[in-house]
Amino acid sequence: MEILQIVGQVVFGLFFVVNGVHHLMKPTETANYAKSKQVPLPMFTSLATGVLLILGGGAMVIGYYVMYALLALVVFLVVVAFWMHAFWSVQDPSHRMNEMFHFMNNIAMAGALCLLTAYVDSWPWVF
C-alpha cells in the first residue's frame, strides 16, 4: 500500500510540474490566453504561475513542505477555475461546455488536494 501512496504522490505532483514547465516553455501562448481572460500583467502572471506550479508539484514529488504546497495549489486551482474558466459567462454552447469541463477539473483537483492535507502526516515520503 505504501508504494501506491508514493506512486500517487509522484504522479499527481508531476502533473503540476509538467503544467508549470509548459507555462515557462510557452510564455507567449500562456500570456496571450491569460490576456484574453483579462488577467492583469499576463506575461508576469503566466511566468509566476508556472513557477508556482513547478514548486508546488515538485514539493509534492519530493515530499518537502507538502502542506504548504498543497494549500498553494488549492488556492491556484480555485482562482484559476473562477477567473479563467467562468463558463456561466460564455454564450457559445460548445465553448461553454469546454470551460465548464476545465472549471470542474480544477475544482475536483482542489478538492482532492484538500483531502490530501488530512493525510500528509501519514505519507511515507515526506520531509
C-alpha atoms as a PDB file:
ATOM      1  CA  MET A   1       0.000   0.000   0.000  1.00  0.00           C
ATOM      2  CA  GLU A   2       2.893   2.344   0.732  1.00  0.00           C
ATOM      3  CA  ILE A   3       4.157   2.001  -2.828  1.00  0.00           C
ATOM      4  CA  LEU A   4       0.755   3.123  -4.151  1.00  0.00           C
ATOM      5  CA  GLN A   5       0.905   6.205  -1.941  1.00  0.00           C
ATOM      6  CA  ILE A   6       4.351   7.062  -3.269  1.00  0.00           C
ATOM      7  CA  VAL A   7       3.306   6.474  -6.883  1.00  0.00           C
ATOM      8  CA  GLY A   8       0.234   8.672  -6.382  1.00  0.00           C
ATOM      9  CA  GLN A   9       2.321  11.378  -4.744  1.00  0.00           C
ATOM     10  CA  VAL A  10       4.817  11.394  -7.603  1.00  0.00           C
ATOM     11  CA  VAL A  11       2.270  11.164 -10.438  1.00  0.00           C
ATOM     12  CA  PHE A  12      -0.012  13.864  -9.014  1.00  0.00           C
ATOM     13  CA  GLY A  13       2.946  16.126  -8.277  1.00  0.00           C
ATOM     14  CA  LEU A  14       4.409  15.649 -11.747  1.00  0.00           C
ATOM     15  CA  PHE A  15       1.079  16.671 -13.263  1.00  0.00           C
ATOM     16  CA  PHE A  16       1.590  20.147 -11.771  1.00  0.00           C
ATOM     17  CA  VAL A  17       5.296  20.232 -12.649  1.00  0.00           C
ATOM     18  CA  VAL A  18       4.587  19.435 -16.313  1.00  0.00           C
ATOM     19  CA  ASN A  19       1.923  22.145 -16.471  1.00  0.00           C
ATOM     20  CA  GLY A  20       4.307  24.625 -14.859  1.00  0.00           C
ATOM     21  CA  VAL A  21       7.032  23.767 -17.359  1.00  0.00           C
ATOM     22  CA  HIS A  22       4.504  24.345 -20.140  1.00  0.00           C
ATOM     23  CA  HIS A  23       3.881  27.857 -18.755  1.00  0.00           C
ATOM     24  CA  LEU A  24       7.607  28.584 -18.852  1.00  0.00           C
ATOM     25  CA  MET A  25       8.316  26.928 -22.209  1.00  0.00           C
ATOM     26  CA  LYS A  26       5.384  28.604 -23.985  1.00  0.00           C
ATOM     27  CA  PRO A  27       5.241  32.005 -22.246  1.00  0.00           C
ATOM     28  CA  THR A  28       3.723  33.874 -25.180  1.00  0.00           C
ATOM     29  CA  GLU A  29       0.928  31.347 -25.639  1.00  0.00           C
ATOM     30  CA  THR A  30       0.037  31.236 -21.949  1.00  0.00           C
ATOM     31  CA  ALA A  31       0.298  35.025 -21.627  1.00  0.00           C
ATOM     32  CA  ASN A  32      -1.956  35.548 -24.657  1.00  0.00           C
ATOM     33  CA  TYR A  33      -4.513  33.180 -23.186  1.00  0.00           C
ATOM     34  CA  ALA A  34      -4.312  34.981 -19.840  1.00  0.00           C
ATOM     35  CA  LYS A  35      -4.668  38.315 -21.634  1.00  0.00           C
ATOM     36  CA  SER A  36      -7.811  37.062 -23.384  1.00  0.00           C
ATOM     37  CA  LYS A  37      -9.253  36.429 -19.913  1.00  0.00           C
ATOM     38  CA  GLN A  38      -8.337  39.959 -18.725  1.00  0.00           C
ATOM     39  CA  VAL A  39      -5.631  38.755 -16.337  1.00  0.00           C
ATOM     40  CA  PRO A  40      -3.514  41.703 -15.178  1.00  0.00           C
ATOM     41  CA  LEU A  41       0.153  41.599 -16.214  1.00  0.00           C
ATOM     42  CA  PRO A  42      -0.425  38.451 -18.287  1.00  0.00           C
ATOM     43  CA  MET A  43       3.239  37.666 -19.053  1.00  0.00           C
ATOM     44  CA  PHE A  44       4.317  38.093 -15.434  1.00  0.00           C
ATOM     45  CA  THR A  45       1.281  36.185 -14.177  1.00  0.00           C
ATOM     46  CA  SER A  46       1.870  33.310 -16.600  1.00  0.00           C
ATOM     47  CA  LEU A  47       5.528  33.015 -15.593  1.00  0.00           C
ATOM     48  CA  ALA A  48       4.733  33.354 -11.879  1.00  0.00           C
ATOM     49  CA  THR A  49       2.048  30.678 -12.031  1.00  0.00           C
ATOM     50  CA  GLY A  50       4.446  28.441 -13.936  1.00  0.00           C
ATOM     51  CA  VAL A  51       6.964  28.765 -11.116  1.00  0.00           C
ATOM     52  CA  LEU A  52       4.207  28.177  -8.542  1.00  0.00           C
ATOM     53  CA  LEU A  53       3.111  25.002 -10.315  1.00  0.00           C
ATOM     54  CA  ILE A  54       6.670  23.694 -10.544  1.00  0.00           C
ATOM     55  CA  LEU A  55       7.421  24.462  -6.901  1.00  0.00           C
ATOM     56  CA  GLY A  56       4.098  23.088  -5.655  1.00  0.00           C
ATOM     57  CA  GLY A  57       4.231  19.943  -7.762  1.00  0.00           C
ATOM     58  CA  GLY A  58       7.926  19.464  -7.080  1.00  0.00           C
ATOM     59  CA  ALA A  59       7.353  19.767  -3.334  1.00  0.00           C
ATOM     60  CA  MET A  60       4.694  17.054  -3.623  1.00  0.00           C
ATOM     61  CA  VAL A  61       7.053  14.788  -5.571  1.00  0.00           C
ATOM     62  CA  ILE A  62       9.953  15.069  -3.138  1.00  0.00           C
ATOM     63  CA  GLY A  63       7.770  15.376  -0.041  1.00  0.00           C
ATOM     64  CA  TYR A  64       9.149  18.719   1.115  1.00  0.00           C
ATOM     65  CA  TYR A  65       6.859  21.297   2.758  1.00  0.00           C
ATOM     66  CA  VAL A  66       3.969  19.322   1.355  1.00  0.00           C
ATOM     67  CA  MET A  67       1.233  21.018   3.386  1.00  0.00           C
ATOM     68  CA  TYR A  68       2.236  24.447   2.061  1.00  0.00           C
ATOM     69  CA  ALA A  69       2.486  23.064  -1.467  1.00  0.00           C
ATOM     70  CA  LEU A  70      -0.970  21.523  -1.292  1.00  0.00           C
ATOM     71  CA  LEU A  71      -2.549  24.696   0.037  1.00  0.00           C
ATOM     72  CA  ALA A  72      -0.808  26.878  -2.568  1.00  0.00           C
ATOM     73  CA  LEU A  73      -2.033  24.584  -5.321  1.00  0.00           C
ATOM     74  CA  VAL A  74      -5.585  24.656  -3.912  1.00  0.00           C
ATOM     75  CA  VAL A  75      -5.594  28.460  -3.986  1.00  0.00           C
ATOM     76  CA  PHE A  76      -4.166  28.442  -7.514  1.00  0.00           C
ATOM     77  CA  LEU A  77      -6.760  25.969  -8.794  1.00  0.00           C
ATOM     78  CA  VAL A  78      -9.734  27.756  -7.243  1.00  0.00           C
ATOM     79  CA  VAL A  79      -8.651  31.174  -8.524  1.00  0.00           C
ATOM     80  CA  VAL A  80      -7.997  29.788 -11.994  1.00  0.00           C
ATOM     81  CA  ALA A  81     -11.320  27.934 -12.019  1.00  0.00           C
ATOM     82  CA  PHE A  82     -13.351  31.047 -11.270  1.00  0.00           C
ATOM     83  CA  TRP A  83     -11.268  33.548 -13.258  1.00  0.00           C
ATOM     84  CA  MET A  84     -10.149  31.622 -16.320  1.00  0.00           C
ATOM     85  CA  HIS A  85     -12.991  29.132 -16.704  1.00  0.00           C
ATOM     86  CA  ALA A  86     -16.109  31.170 -15.877  1.00  0.00           C
ATOM     87  CA  PHE A  87     -18.362  29.002 -18.027  1.00  0.00           C
ATOM     88  CA  TRP A  88     -21.512  30.797 -16.854  1.00  0.00           C
ATOM     89  CA  SER A  89     -20.454  33.902 -18.806  1.00  0.00           C
ATOM     90  CA  VAL A  90     -19.863  32.077 -22.106  1.00  0.00           C
ATOM     91  CA  GLN A  91     -22.603  32.267 -24.747  1.00  0.00           C
ATOM     92  CA  ASP A  92     -21.418  29.664 -27.284  1.00  0.00           C
ATOM     93  CA  PRO A  93     -22.670  26.230 -26.083  1.00  0.00           C
ATOM     94  CA  SER A  94     -19.602  24.232 -27.142  1.00  0.00           C
ATOM     95  CA  HIS A  95     -17.204  26.789 -25.673  1.00  0.00           C
ATOM     96  CA  ARG A  96     -19.322  26.898 -22.505  1.00  0.00           C
ATOM     97  CA  MET A  97     -19.101  23.103 -22.181  1.00  0.00           C
ATOM     98  CA  ASN A  98     -15.315  23.233 -22.623  1.00  0.00           C
ATOM     99  CA  GLU A  99     -14.971  25.938 -19.966  1.00  0.00           C
ATOM    100  CA  MET A 100     -17.267  24.006 -17.623  1.00  0.00           C
ATOM    101  CA  PHE A 101     -15.126  20.899 -18.100  1.00  0.00           C
ATOM    102  CA  HIS A 102     -11.967  22.823 -17.143  1.00  0.00           C
ATOM    103  CA  PHE A 103     -13.745  24.539 -14.246  1.00  0.00           C
ATOM    104  CA  MET A 104     -14.939  21.206 -12.843  1.00  0.00           C
ATOM    105  CA  ASN A 105     -11.499  19.612 -13.287  1.00  0.00           C
ATOM    106  CA  ASN A 106      -9.841  22.420 -11.354  1.00  0.00           C
ATOM    107  CA  ILE A 107     -12.422  22.270  -8.568  1.00  0.00           C
ATOM    108  CA  ALA A 108     -12.125  18.464  -8.382  1.00  0.00           C
ATOM    109  CA  MET A 109      -8.329  18.652  -8.154  1.00  0.00           C
ATOM    110  CA  ALA A 110      -8.608  21.361  -5.495  1.00  0.00           C
ATOM    111  CA  GLY A 111     -10.936  19.059  -3.564  1.00  0.00           C
ATOM    112  CA  ALA A 112      -8.517  16.148  -3.904  1.00  0.00           C
ATOM    113  CA  LEU A 113      -5.666  18.328  -2.656  1.00  0.00           C
ATOM    114  CA  CYS A 114      -7.791  19.433   0.317  1.00  0.00           C
ATOM    115  CA  LEU A 115      -8.463  15.782   1.083  1.00  0.00           C
ATOM    116  CA  LEU A 116      -4.745  15.015   0.883  1.00  0.00           C
ATOM    117  CA  THR A 117      -3.970  17.657   3.526  1.00  0.00           C
ATOM    118  CA  ALA A 118      -5.693  15.404   6.066  1.00  0.00           C
ATOM    119  CA  TYR A 119      -3.229  12.608   5.325  1.00  0.00           C
ATOM    120  CA  VAL A 120       0.106  14.408   4.896  1.00  0.00           C
ATOM    121  CA  ASP A 121       1.360  13.185   8.268  1.00  0.00           C
ATOM    122  CA  SER A 122       0.833   9.586   7.185  1.00  0.00           C
ATOM    123  CA  TRP A 123       2.563   9.923   3.814  1.00  0.00           C
ATOM    124  CA  PRO A 124       5.527   7.542   3.698  1.00  0.00           C
ATOM    125  CA  TRP A 125       7.670  10.003   1.757  1.00  0.00           C
ATOM    126  CA  VAL A 126       7.528  13.424   3.440  1.00  0.00           C
ATOM    127  CA  PHE A 127      10.371  15.502   4.845  1.00  0.00           C
END
